[in-house]
Amino acid sequence: MSRVDLHAHTTASDGLFTPTQLVEHAKKVGLQGVALTDHDIVSGIEEALEAGKRWGIEVIPGVEISTLWEKKEIHILGYFIDTHSPKLLEQLHRQRQARQLRNQQMIKKLNELGIEIQMEEVLAKKRDDVSNLGRPHIAEVLVDKGVVQTISEAFDKYLGEKTGIAYISPSRIDSFQAVDLIRESGGVPVLAHPGLYGRDELIPLLVERGLEGIEVRHPDHSAEDVKRYQRLAERYGLIPTAGSDFHGERQGAMYHADLGTCVVDMTQVERLRAKAKNLFK
């Protein structure tokens, strides 16, 4: 069986590996393919595609778009997108501006809680000049300062959507608009890690709008989650996907899981590719 990880991040957003290093790591862990799905940015894809040619790894161009639905943050993955689509690039730029505002607001809230943290300290955690700053960068600073012991604790106490007392939800496009945007960019829209939301009632609504897949296997899904989303994939005719949500190891702990933890066979990649071609036509 060929093994492909369909969810991975790089230094273009909040991952620790450059696109080239990600592809090299994919080769090291025995993958035949990997999807680059950085948050609201596609700047790392060209480098990854070139590295894929050198290492014999199939690189799937992708993106993970942050959206809001009924005040809940929902992530939509897009595969085989046209990374040069003007409409896509314009909207992703707006998304990153919203993320920057969110970072500023969260830092302000941390300051109000008596935690001394400055934007300059967070910016110092960038791994390159185009990094899209996110919560993991803030979490690193909190660990450095001894406010928390681990990245997970930083999210649990301060930065996570469910329990974080400094969490801020910025204005973003809704989940349906993201599905439209991905389809209009020649890509295949897939719902990311639905088990993290607890809002399964959204799934049939997204299907009506044009959702084509659902991430069945994810490191944060329980065995029961996997069974439930596999059944939902079959019920709605969705392509079941899997991915590690790889970001790399921060402060001695892996964020989500290592690359290759959750994979699909190459036949699923071909299903996504065929669907993208049909949507493009």
C-alpha atoms as a PDB file:
ATOM      1  CA  MET A   1       0.000   0.000   0.000  1.00  0.00           C
ATOM      2  CA  SER A   2       1.242   3.469  -0.882  1.00  0.00           C
ATOM      3  CA  ARG A   3       1.040   5.974   1.963  1.00  0.00           C
ATOM      4  CA  VAL A   4       0.056   9.638   1.578  1.00  0.00           C
ATOM      5  CA  ASP A   5      -0.400  12.201   4.358  1.00  0.00           C
ATOM      6  CA  LEU A   6      -2.985  14.784   3.307  1.00  0.00           C
ATOM      7  CA  HIS A   7      -2.522  17.380   6.054  1.00  0.00           C
ATOM      8  CA  ALA A   8       0.817  19.068   6.798  1.00  0.00           C
ATOM      9  CA  HIS A   9       2.105  22.547   7.594  1.00  0.00           C
ATOM     10  CA  THR A  10       5.403  24.314   6.960  1.00  0.00           C
ATOM     11  CA  THR A  11       7.202  27.514   7.904  1.00  0.00           C
ATOM     12  CA  ALA A  12       4.953  29.318   5.422  1.00  0.00           C
ATOM     13  CA  SER A  13       2.359  29.281   8.222  1.00  0.00           C
ATOM     14  CA  ASP A  14       2.909  27.788  11.678  1.00  0.00           C
ATOM     15  CA  GLY A  15       4.941  24.672  10.938  1.00  0.00           C
ATOM     16  CA  LEU A  16       8.591  24.179  11.859  1.00  0.00           C
ATOM     17  CA  PHE A  17       9.836  22.518   8.653  1.00  0.00           C
ATOM     18  CA  THR A  18      10.486  24.415   5.442  1.00  0.00           C
ATOM     19  CA  PRO A  19       8.618  23.036   2.415  1.00  0.00           C
ATOM     20  CA  THR A  20      11.816  21.282   1.300  1.00  0.00           C
ATOM     21  CA  GLN A  21      12.397  19.805   4.758  1.00  0.00           C
ATOM     22  CA  LEU A  22       8.798  18.605   4.863  1.00  0.00           C
ATOM     23  CA  VAL A  23       9.255  16.670   1.624  1.00  0.00           C
ATOM     24  CA  GLU A  24      12.559  15.233   2.851  1.00  0.00           C
ATOM     25  CA  HIS A  25      10.844  14.154   6.067  1.00  0.00           C
ATOM     26  CA  ALA A  26       8.068  12.544   4.031  1.00  0.00           C
ATOM     27  CA  LYS A  27      10.702  10.485   2.242  1.00  0.00           C
ATOM     28  CA  LYS A  28      12.365   9.601   5.558  1.00  0.00           C
ATOM     29  CA  VAL A  29       9.154   8.262   7.126  1.00  0.00           C
ATOM     30  CA  GLY A  30       8.332   6.186   4.062  1.00  0.00           C
ATOM     31  CA  LEU A  31       5.574   8.227   2.457  1.00  0.00           C
ATOM     32  CA  GLN A  32       4.877   8.278  -1.261  1.00  0.00           C
ATOM     33  CA  GLY A  33       3.062  11.586  -1.102  1.00  0.00           C
ATOM     34  CA  VAL A  34       2.216  14.577   1.076  1.00  0.00           C
ATOM     35  CA  ALA A  35      -0.227  17.477   0.817  1.00  0.00           C
ATOM     36  CA  LEU A  36       0.990  20.940   1.742  1.00  0.00           C
ATOM     37  CA  THR A  37      -1.943  22.590   3.531  1.00  0.00           C
ATOM     38  CA  ASP A  38      -0.670  25.722   5.226  1.00  0.00           C
ATOM     39  CA  HIS A  39      -3.095  28.048   6.991  1.00  0.00           C
ATOM     40  CA  ASP A  40      -4.491  30.671   4.608  1.00  0.00           C
ATOM     41  CA  ILE A  41      -1.350  30.761   2.446  1.00  0.00           C
ATOM     42  CA  VAL A  42       0.076  28.908  -0.569  1.00  0.00           C
ATOM     43  CA  SER A  43       3.541  30.458  -0.790  1.00  0.00           C
ATOM     44  CA  GLY A  44       5.372  27.224   0.092  1.00  0.00           C
ATOM     45  CA  ILE A  45       3.868  25.039  -2.590  1.00  0.00           C
ATOM     46  CA  GLU A  46       6.249  25.815  -5.477  1.00  0.00           C
ATOM     47  CA  GLU A  47       9.274  24.976  -3.321  1.00  0.00           C
ATOM     48  CA  ALA A  48       7.619  21.752  -2.158  1.00  0.00           C
ATOM     49  CA  LEU A  49       6.793  20.721  -5.736  1.00  0.00           C
ATOM     50  CA  GLU A  50      10.428  21.160  -6.749  1.00  0.00           C
ATOM     51  CA  ALA A  51      11.590  19.170  -3.728  1.00  0.00           C
ATOM     52  CA  GLY A  52       9.058  16.475  -4.602  1.00  0.00           C
ATOM     53  CA  LYS A  53      10.656  16.042  -8.015  1.00  0.00           C
ATOM     54  CA  ARG A  54      14.087  15.595  -6.410  1.00  0.00           C
ATOM     55  CA  TRP A  55      12.945  13.133  -3.760  1.00  0.00           C
ATOM     56  CA  GLY A  56      10.374  11.216  -5.786  1.00  0.00           C
ATOM     57  CA  ILE A  57       7.491  12.343  -3.558  1.00  0.00           C
ATOM     58  CA  GLU A  58       4.070  13.297  -4.880  1.00  0.00           C
ATOM     59  CA  VAL A  59       3.254  16.785  -3.554  1.00  0.00           C
ATOM     60  CA  ILE A  60      -0.420  17.734  -3.543  1.00  0.00           C
ATOM     61  CA  PRO A  61      -0.973  21.516  -3.633  1.00  0.00           C
ATOM     62  CA  GLY A  62      -3.384  22.463  -0.898  1.00  0.00           C
ATOM     63  CA  VAL A  63      -4.486  25.010   1.662  1.00  0.00           C
ATOM     64  CA  GLU A  64      -6.357  25.077   4.982  1.00  0.00           C
ATOM     65  CA  ILE A  65      -8.800  27.969   5.172  1.00  0.00           C
ATOM     66  CA  SER A  66      -9.980  29.212   8.562  1.00  0.00           C
ATOM     67  CA  THR A  67     -13.693  30.033   8.586  1.00  0.00           C
ATOM     68  CA  LEU A  68     -16.523  30.818  10.988  1.00  0.00           C
ATOM     69  CA  TRP A  69     -19.928  29.150  11.243  1.00  0.00           C
ATOM     70  CA  GLU A  70     -22.273  30.251  14.016  1.00  0.00           C
ATOM     71  CA  LYS A  71     -19.269  31.718  15.901  1.00  0.00           C
ATOM     72  CA  LYS A  72     -17.443  28.366  15.690  1.00  0.00           C
ATOM     73  CA  GLU A  73     -14.049  28.165  13.979  1.00  0.00           C
ATOM     74  CA  ILE A  74     -14.219  25.599  11.157  1.00  0.00           C
ATOM     75  CA  HIS A  75     -11.328  24.678   8.864  1.00  0.00           C
ATOM     76  CA  ILE A  76     -11.840  23.752   5.217  1.00  0.00           C
ATOM     77  CA  LEU A  77      -9.059  21.999   3.307  1.00  0.00           C
ATOM     78  CA  GLY A  78      -8.636  22.522  -0.430  1.00  0.00           C
ATOM     79  CA  TYR A  79      -6.717  20.062  -2.649  1.00  0.00           C
ATOM     80  CA  PHE A  80      -5.322  20.476  -6.174  1.00  0.00           C
ATOM     81  CA  ILE A  81      -6.087  24.184  -6.085  1.00  0.00           C
ATOM     82  CA  ASP A  82      -4.831  26.662  -8.650  1.00  0.00           C
ATOM     83  CA  THR A  83      -2.252  28.442  -6.511  1.00  0.00           C
ATOM     84  CA  HIS A  84      -2.168  31.362  -8.966  1.00  0.00           C
ATOM     85  CA  SER A  85      -5.907  32.081  -8.838  1.00  0.00           C
ATOM     86  CA  PRO A  86      -6.233  35.871  -8.270  1.00  0.00           C
ATOM     87  CA  LYS A  87      -9.469  35.481  -6.329  1.00  0.00           C
ATOM     88  CA  LEU A  88      -7.968  32.824  -4.066  1.00  0.00           C
ATOM     89  CA  LEU A  89      -4.817  34.830  -3.413  1.00  0.00           C
ATOM     90  CA  GLU A  90      -6.787  37.990  -2.642  1.00  0.00           C
ATOM     91  CA  GLN A  91      -9.026  36.227  -0.128  1.00  0.00           C
ATOM     92  CA  LEU A  92      -6.102  34.438   1.529  1.00  0.00           C
ATOM     93  CA  HIS A  93      -4.398  37.809   1.943  1.00  0.00           C
ATOM     94  CA  ARG A  94      -7.490  39.099   3.749  1.00  0.00           C
ATOM     95  CA  GLN A  95      -7.504  35.977   5.901  1.00  0.00           C
ATOM     96  CA  ARG A  96      -3.919  36.611   6.963  1.00  0.00           C
ATOM     97  CA  GLN A  97      -4.735  40.221   7.808  1.00  0.00           C
ATOM     98  CA  ALA A  98      -7.522  38.953  10.073  1.00  0.00           C
ATOM     99  CA  ARG A  99      -5.082  36.512  11.662  1.00  0.00           C
ATOM    100  CA  GLN A 100      -2.632  39.358  12.353  1.00  0.00           C
ATOM    101  CA  LEU A 101      -5.400  41.322  14.050  1.00  0.00           C
ATOM    102  CA  ARG A 102      -6.302  38.259  16.110  1.00  0.00           C
ATOM    103  CA  ASN A 103      -2.666  37.882  17.224  1.00  0.00           C
ATOM    104  CA  GLN A 104      -2.604  41.501  18.397  1.00  0.00           C
ATOM    105  CA  GLN A 105      -5.897  41.105  20.258  1.00  0.00           C
ATOM    106  CA  MET A 106      -4.770  37.906  21.983  1.00  0.00           C
ATOM    107  CA  ILE A 107      -1.500  39.479  23.079  1.00  0.00           C
ATOM    108  CA  LYS A 108      -3.454  42.453  24.451  1.00  0.00           C
ATOM    109  CA  LYS A 109      -5.727  40.085  26.353  1.00  0.00           C
ATOM    110  CA  LEU A 110      -2.738  38.200  27.772  1.00  0.00           C
ATOM    111  CA  ASN A 111      -1.300  41.531  28.934  1.00  0.00           C
ATOM    112  CA  GLU A 112      -4.598  42.328  30.643  1.00  0.00           C
ATOM    113  CA  LEU A 113      -4.322  38.989  32.446  1.00  0.00           C
ATOM    114  CA  GLY A 114      -0.964  40.097  33.818  1.00  0.00           C
ATOM    115  CA  ILE A 115       1.188  38.152  31.372  1.00  0.00           C
ATOM    116  CA  GLU A 116       3.962  40.303  29.923  1.00  0.00           C
ATOM    117  CA  ILE A 117       4.302  39.369  26.270  1.00  0.00           C
ATOM    118  CA  GLN A 118       5.129  41.576  23.288  1.00  0.00           C
ATOM    119  CA  MET A 119       4.508  41.173  19.566  1.00  0.00           C
ATOM    120  CA  GLU A 120       8.262  41.483  18.944  1.00  0.00           C
ATOM    121  CA  GLU A 121       8.815  38.301  20.963  1.00  0.00           C
ATOM    122  CA  VAL A 122       6.230  36.448  18.901  1.00  0.00           C
ATOM    123  CA  LEU A 123       7.679  37.735  15.614  1.00  0.00           C
ATOM    124  CA  ALA A 124      11.060  36.369  16.688  1.00  0.00           C
ATOM    125  CA  LYS A 125       9.552  32.877  16.475  1.00  0.00           C
ATOM    126  CA  LYS A 126       9.064  33.171  12.715  1.00  0.00           C
ATOM    127  CA  ARG A 127      11.143  30.642  10.789  1.00  0.00           C
ATOM    128  CA  ASP A 128      11.304  32.680   7.566  1.00  0.00           C
ATOM    129  CA  ASP A 129      10.331  36.037   6.093  1.00  0.00           C
ATOM    130  CA  VAL A 130       6.907  34.907   4.860  1.00  0.00           C
ATOM    131  CA  SER A 131       5.677  32.999   7.890  1.00  0.00           C
ATOM    132  CA  ASN A 132       2.012  33.414   8.708  1.00  0.00           C
ATOM    133  CA  LEU A 133       2.057  33.982  12.468  1.00  0.00           C
ATOM    134  CA  GLY A 134      -0.384  31.930  14.515  1.00  0.00           C
ATOM    135  CA  ARG A 135      -1.204  30.732  17.987  1.00  0.00           C
ATOM    136  CA  PRO A 136       1.650  28.173  18.120  1.00  0.00           C
ATOM    137  CA  HIS A 137       4.133  31.058  17.904  1.00  0.00           C
ATOM    138  CA  ILE A 138       2.463  32.777  20.867  1.00  0.00           C
ATOM    139  CA  ALA A 139       2.433  29.461  22.725  1.00  0.00           C
ATOM    140  CA  GLU A 140       6.194  29.112  22.247  1.00  0.00           C
ATOM    141  CA  VAL A 141       6.765  32.469  23.922  1.00  0.00           C
ATOM    142  CA  LEU A 142       4.529  31.480  26.836  1.00  0.00           C
ATOM    143  CA  VAL A 143       6.621  28.337  27.334  1.00  0.00           C
ATOM    144  CA  ASP A 144       9.868  30.317  27.085  1.00  0.00           C
ATOM    145  CA  LYS A 145       8.638  32.696  29.777  1.00  0.00           C
ATOM    146  CA  GLY A 146       7.625  29.866  32.087  1.00  0.00           C
ATOM    147  CA  VAL A 147       3.961  30.883  32.040  1.00  0.00           C
ATOM    148  CA  VAL A 148       3.156  27.299  31.020  1.00  0.00           C
ATOM    149  CA  GLN A 149       5.220  24.135  30.762  1.00  0.00           C
ATOM    150  CA  THR A 150       4.072  22.868  27.372  1.00  0.00           C
ATOM    151  CA  ILE A 151       2.467  24.013  24.128  1.00  0.00           C
ATOM    152  CA  SER A 152      -0.601  21.924  24.965  1.00  0.00           C
ATOM    153  CA  GLU A 153      -0.947  23.685  28.302  1.00  0.00           C
ATOM    154  CA  ALA A 154      -0.711  27.063  26.543  1.00  0.00           C
ATOM    155  CA  PHE A 155      -3.657  26.118  24.346  1.00  0.00           C
ATOM    156  CA  ASP A 156      -5.652  24.555  27.178  1.00  0.00           C
ATOM    157  CA  LYS A 157      -5.289  27.556  29.479  1.00  0.00           C
ATOM    158  CA  TYR A 158      -4.965  30.552  27.187  1.00  0.00           C
ATOM    159  CA  LEU A 159      -5.119  30.052  23.416  1.00  0.00           C
ATOM    160  CA  GLY A 160      -7.539  27.219  22.670  1.00  0.00           C
ATOM    161  CA  GLU A 161     -11.044  27.864  21.409  1.00  0.00           C
ATOM    162  CA  LYS A 162     -12.797  25.729  24.021  1.00  0.00           C
ATOM    163  CA  THR A 163     -11.003  26.642  27.257  1.00  0.00           C
ATOM    164  CA  GLY A 164      -8.498  29.390  26.439  1.00  0.00           C
ATOM    165  CA  ILE A 165      -9.208  32.528  28.452  1.00  0.00           C
ATOM    166  CA  ALA A 166      -7.276  34.692  25.977  1.00  0.00           C
ATOM    167  CA  TYR A 167      -8.814  33.168  22.839  1.00  0.00           C
ATOM    168  CA  ILE A 168     -10.133  35.625  20.266  1.00  0.00           C
ATOM    169  CA  SER A 169     -12.217  34.741  17.218  1.00  0.00           C
ATOM    170  CA  PRO A 170     -11.578  37.221  14.386  1.00  0.00           C
ATOM    171  CA  SER A 171     -13.928  38.067  11.540  1.00  0.00           C
ATOM    172  CA  ARG A 172     -13.517  35.564   8.686  1.00  0.00           C
ATOM    173  CA  ILE A 173     -15.380  34.216   5.697  1.00  0.00           C
ATOM    174  CA  ASP A 174     -17.961  31.566   6.482  1.00  0.00           C
ATOM    175  CA  SER A 175     -17.522  27.868   5.731  1.00  0.00           C
ATOM    176  CA  PHE A 176     -19.805  27.975   2.699  1.00  0.00           C
ATOM    177  CA  GLN A 177     -17.840  30.807   1.117  1.00  0.00           C
ATOM    178  CA  ALA A 178     -14.643  28.792   1.604  1.00  0.00           C
ATOM    179  CA  VAL A 179     -16.175  25.817  -0.197  1.00  0.00           C
ATOM    180  CA  ASP A 180     -17.140  28.121  -3.074  1.00  0.00           C
ATOM    181  CA  LEU A 181     -13.680  29.703  -3.144  1.00  0.00           C
ATOM    182  CA  ILE A 182     -11.891  26.365  -3.323  1.00  0.00           C
ATOM    183  CA  ARG A 183     -14.153  25.056  -6.064  1.00  0.00           C
ATOM    184  CA  GLU A 184     -13.778  28.279  -8.059  1.00  0.00           C
ATOM    185  CA  SER A 185      -9.998  27.855  -7.719  1.00  0.00           C
ATOM    186  CA  GLY A 186     -10.172  24.426  -9.340  1.00  0.00           C
ATOM    187  CA  GLY A 187      -9.784  22.583  -6.040  1.00  0.00           C
ATOM    188  CA  VAL A 188     -11.602  19.960  -4.005  1.00  0.00           C
ATOM    189  CA  PRO A 189     -13.082  21.170  -0.678  1.00  0.00           C
ATOM    190  CA  VAL A 190     -12.731  18.813   2.302  1.00  0.00           C
ATOM    191  CA  LEU A 191     -13.863  19.371   5.896  1.00  0.00           C
ATOM    192  CA  ALA A 192     -10.839  19.234   8.238  1.00  0.00           C
ATOM    193  CA  HIS A 193     -10.903  17.322  11.562  1.00  0.00           C
ATOM    194  CA  PRO A 194     -14.677  17.452  12.147  1.00  0.00           C
ATOM    195  CA  GLY A 195     -14.270  15.674  15.478  1.00  0.00           C
ATOM    196  CA  LEU A 196     -12.777  18.840  16.965  1.00  0.00           C
ATOM    197  CA  TYR A 197     -15.941  20.849  16.380  1.00  0.00           C
ATOM    198  CA  GLY A 198     -18.779  18.702  17.690  1.00  0.00           C
ATOM    199  CA  ARG A 199     -21.068  20.236  15.053  1.00  0.00           C
ATOM    200  CA  ASP A 200     -21.907  17.359  12.742  1.00  0.00           C
ATOM    201  CA  GLU A 201     -25.126  19.108  11.715  1.00  0.00           C
ATOM    202  CA  LEU A 202     -22.945  21.346   9.539  1.00  0.00           C
ATOM    203  CA  ILE A 203     -21.844  18.441   7.333  1.00  0.00           C
ATOM    204  CA  PRO A 204     -25.040  17.971   5.247  1.00  0.00           C
ATOM    205  CA  LEU A 205     -25.271  21.750   4.827  1.00  0.00           C
ATOM    206  CA  LEU A 206     -21.741  21.855   3.422  1.00  0.00           C
ATOM    207  CA  VAL A 207     -22.510  18.872   1.186  1.00  0.00           C
ATOM    208  CA  GLU A 208     -25.399  20.823  -0.333  1.00  0.00           C
ATOM    209  CA  ARG A 209     -22.971  23.678  -1.031  1.00  0.00           C
ATOM    210  CA  GLY A 210     -20.408  21.435  -2.731  1.00  0.00           C
ATOM    211  CA  LEU A 211     -18.238  19.774  -0.076  1.00  0.00           C
ATOM    212  CA  GLU A 212     -16.498  16.783  -1.671  1.00  0.00           C
ATOM    213  CA  GLY A 213     -14.581  15.141   1.193  1.00  0.00           C
ATOM    214  CA  ILE A 214     -14.197  14.754   4.935  1.00  0.00           C
ATOM    215  CA  GLU A 215     -11.101  14.136   7.039  1.00  0.00           C
ATOM    216  CA  VAL A 216     -12.009  10.831   8.668  1.00  0.00           C
ATOM    217  CA  ARG A 217      -8.698   9.998  10.319  1.00  0.00           C
ATOM    218  CA  HIS A 218      -6.864  12.660  12.324  1.00  0.00           C
ATOM    219  CA  PRO A 219      -4.587  12.359  15.395  1.00  0.00           C
ATOM    220  CA  ASP A 220      -7.208  14.058  17.580  1.00  0.00           C
ATOM    221  CA  HIS A 221     -10.056  11.790  16.454  1.00  0.00           C
ATOM    222  CA  SER A 222     -11.104   8.932  18.700  1.00  0.00           C
ATOM    223  CA  ALA A 223     -11.787   5.470  17.319  1.00  0.00           C
ATOM    224  CA  GLU A 224     -15.490   6.256  17.576  1.00  0.00           C
ATOM    225  CA  ASP A 225     -14.948   9.517  15.654  1.00  0.00           C
ATOM    226  CA  VAL A 226     -13.281   7.594  12.837  1.00  0.00           C
ATOM    227  CA  LYS A 227     -16.192   5.150  12.591  1.00  0.00           C
ATOM    228  CA  ARG A 228     -18.761   7.943  12.687  1.00  0.00           C
ATOM    229  CA  TYR A 229     -17.125  10.036   9.979  1.00  0.00           C
ATOM    230  CA  GLN A 230     -16.505   7.005   7.801  1.00  0.00           C
ATOM    231  CA  ARG A 231     -20.244   6.307   7.978  1.00  0.00           C
ATOM    232  CA  LEU A 232     -21.054   9.932   7.193  1.00  0.00           C
ATOM    233  CA  ALA A 233     -18.639   9.859   4.240  1.00  0.00           C
ATOM    234  CA  GLU A 234     -20.474   6.841   2.867  1.00  0.00           C
ATOM    235  CA  ARG A 235     -23.901   8.382   3.519  1.00  0.00           C
ATOM    236  CA  TYR A 236     -23.132  11.607   1.678  1.00  0.00           C
ATOM    237  CA  GLY A 237     -20.792  10.228  -0.988  1.00  0.00           C
ATOM    238  CA  LEU A 238     -17.778  12.107   0.354  1.00  0.00           C
ATOM    239  CA  ILE A 239     -14.145  11.170  -0.234  1.00  0.00           C
ATOM    240  CA  PRO A 240     -12.682  10.025   3.130  1.00  0.00           C
ATOM    241  CA  THR A 241      -9.262  11.537   3.784  1.00  0.00           C
ATOM    242  CA  ALA A 242      -6.607  11.335   6.496  1.00  0.00           C
ATOM    243  CA  GLY A 243      -3.737  13.478   7.670  1.00  0.00           C
ATOM    244  CA  SER A 244      -1.413  13.996  10.614  1.00  0.00           C
ATOM    245  CA  ASP A 245      -1.903  17.788  10.773  1.00  0.00           C
ATOM    246  CA  PHE A 246       1.885  17.844  11.058  1.00  0.00           C
ATOM    247  CA  HIS A 247       3.485  21.024  12.413  1.00  0.00           C
ATOM    248  CA  GLY A 248       6.674  19.676  13.968  1.00  0.00           C
ATOM    249  CA  GLU A 249       7.971  19.359  17.509  1.00  0.00           C
ATOM    250  CA  ARG A 250       7.790  22.419  19.740  1.00  0.00           C
ATOM    251  CA  GLN A 251       9.379  22.553  23.183  1.00  0.00           C
ATOM    252  CA  GLY A 252       9.916  18.792  23.129  1.00  0.00           C
ATOM    253  CA  ALA A 253       6.314  17.909  22.242  1.00  0.00           C
ATOM    254  CA  MET A 254       4.803  17.082  18.863  1.00  0.00           C
ATOM    255  CA  TYR A 255       1.939  19.406  17.905  1.00  0.00           C
ATOM    256  CA  HIS A 256      -0.853  17.027  16.828  1.00  0.00           C
ATOM    257  CA  ALA A 257       1.325  14.178  15.459  1.00  0.00           C
ATOM    258  CA  ASP A 258       4.331  13.235  13.363  1.00  0.00           C
ATOM    259  CA  LEU A 259       4.087  13.129   9.600  1.00  0.00           C
ATOM    260  CA  GLY A 260       2.663   9.828   8.393  1.00  0.00           C
ATOM    261  CA  THR A 261       0.619   9.118  11.524  1.00  0.00           C
ATOM    262  CA  CYS A 262      -2.644   9.201   9.552  1.00  0.00           C
ATOM    263  CA  VAL A 263      -2.483   8.328   5.865  1.00  0.00           C
ATOM    264  CA  VAL A 264      -4.516   7.314   2.837  1.00  0.00           C
ATOM    265  CA  ASP A 265      -3.656   5.100  -0.106  1.00  0.00           C
ATOM    266  CA  MET A 266      -2.696   6.745  -3.392  1.00  0.00           C
ATOM    267  CA  THR A 267      -6.052   5.621  -4.798  1.00  0.00           C
ATOM    268  CA  GLN A 268      -7.718   8.265  -2.605  1.00  0.00           C
ATOM    269  CA  VAL A 269      -5.355  10.876  -4.016  1.00  0.00           C
ATOM    270  CA  GLU A 270      -6.403   9.821  -7.505  1.00  0.00           C
ATOM    271  CA  ARG A 271     -10.043  10.244  -6.490  1.00  0.00           C
ATOM    272  CA  LEU A 272      -9.288  13.793  -5.368  1.00  0.00           C
ATOM    273  CA  ARG A 273      -7.331  14.494  -8.555  1.00  0.00           C
ATOM    274  CA  ALA A 274     -10.145  13.176 -10.742  1.00  0.00           C
ATOM    275  CA  LYS A 275     -12.698  15.205  -8.820  1.00  0.00           C
ATOM    276  CA  ALA A 276     -10.584  18.352  -9.282  1.00  0.00           C
ATOM    277  CA  LYS A 277     -10.389  17.738 -13.033  1.00  0.00           C
ATOM    278  CA  ASN A 278     -14.158  17.265 -13.223  1.00  0.00           C
ATOM    279  CA  LEU A 279     -14.819  20.406 -11.205  1.00  0.00           C
ATOM    280  CA  PHE A 280     -12.421  22.364 -13.417  1.00  0.00           C
ATOM    281  CA  LYS A 281     -14.286  21.246 -16.521  1.00  0.00           C
END
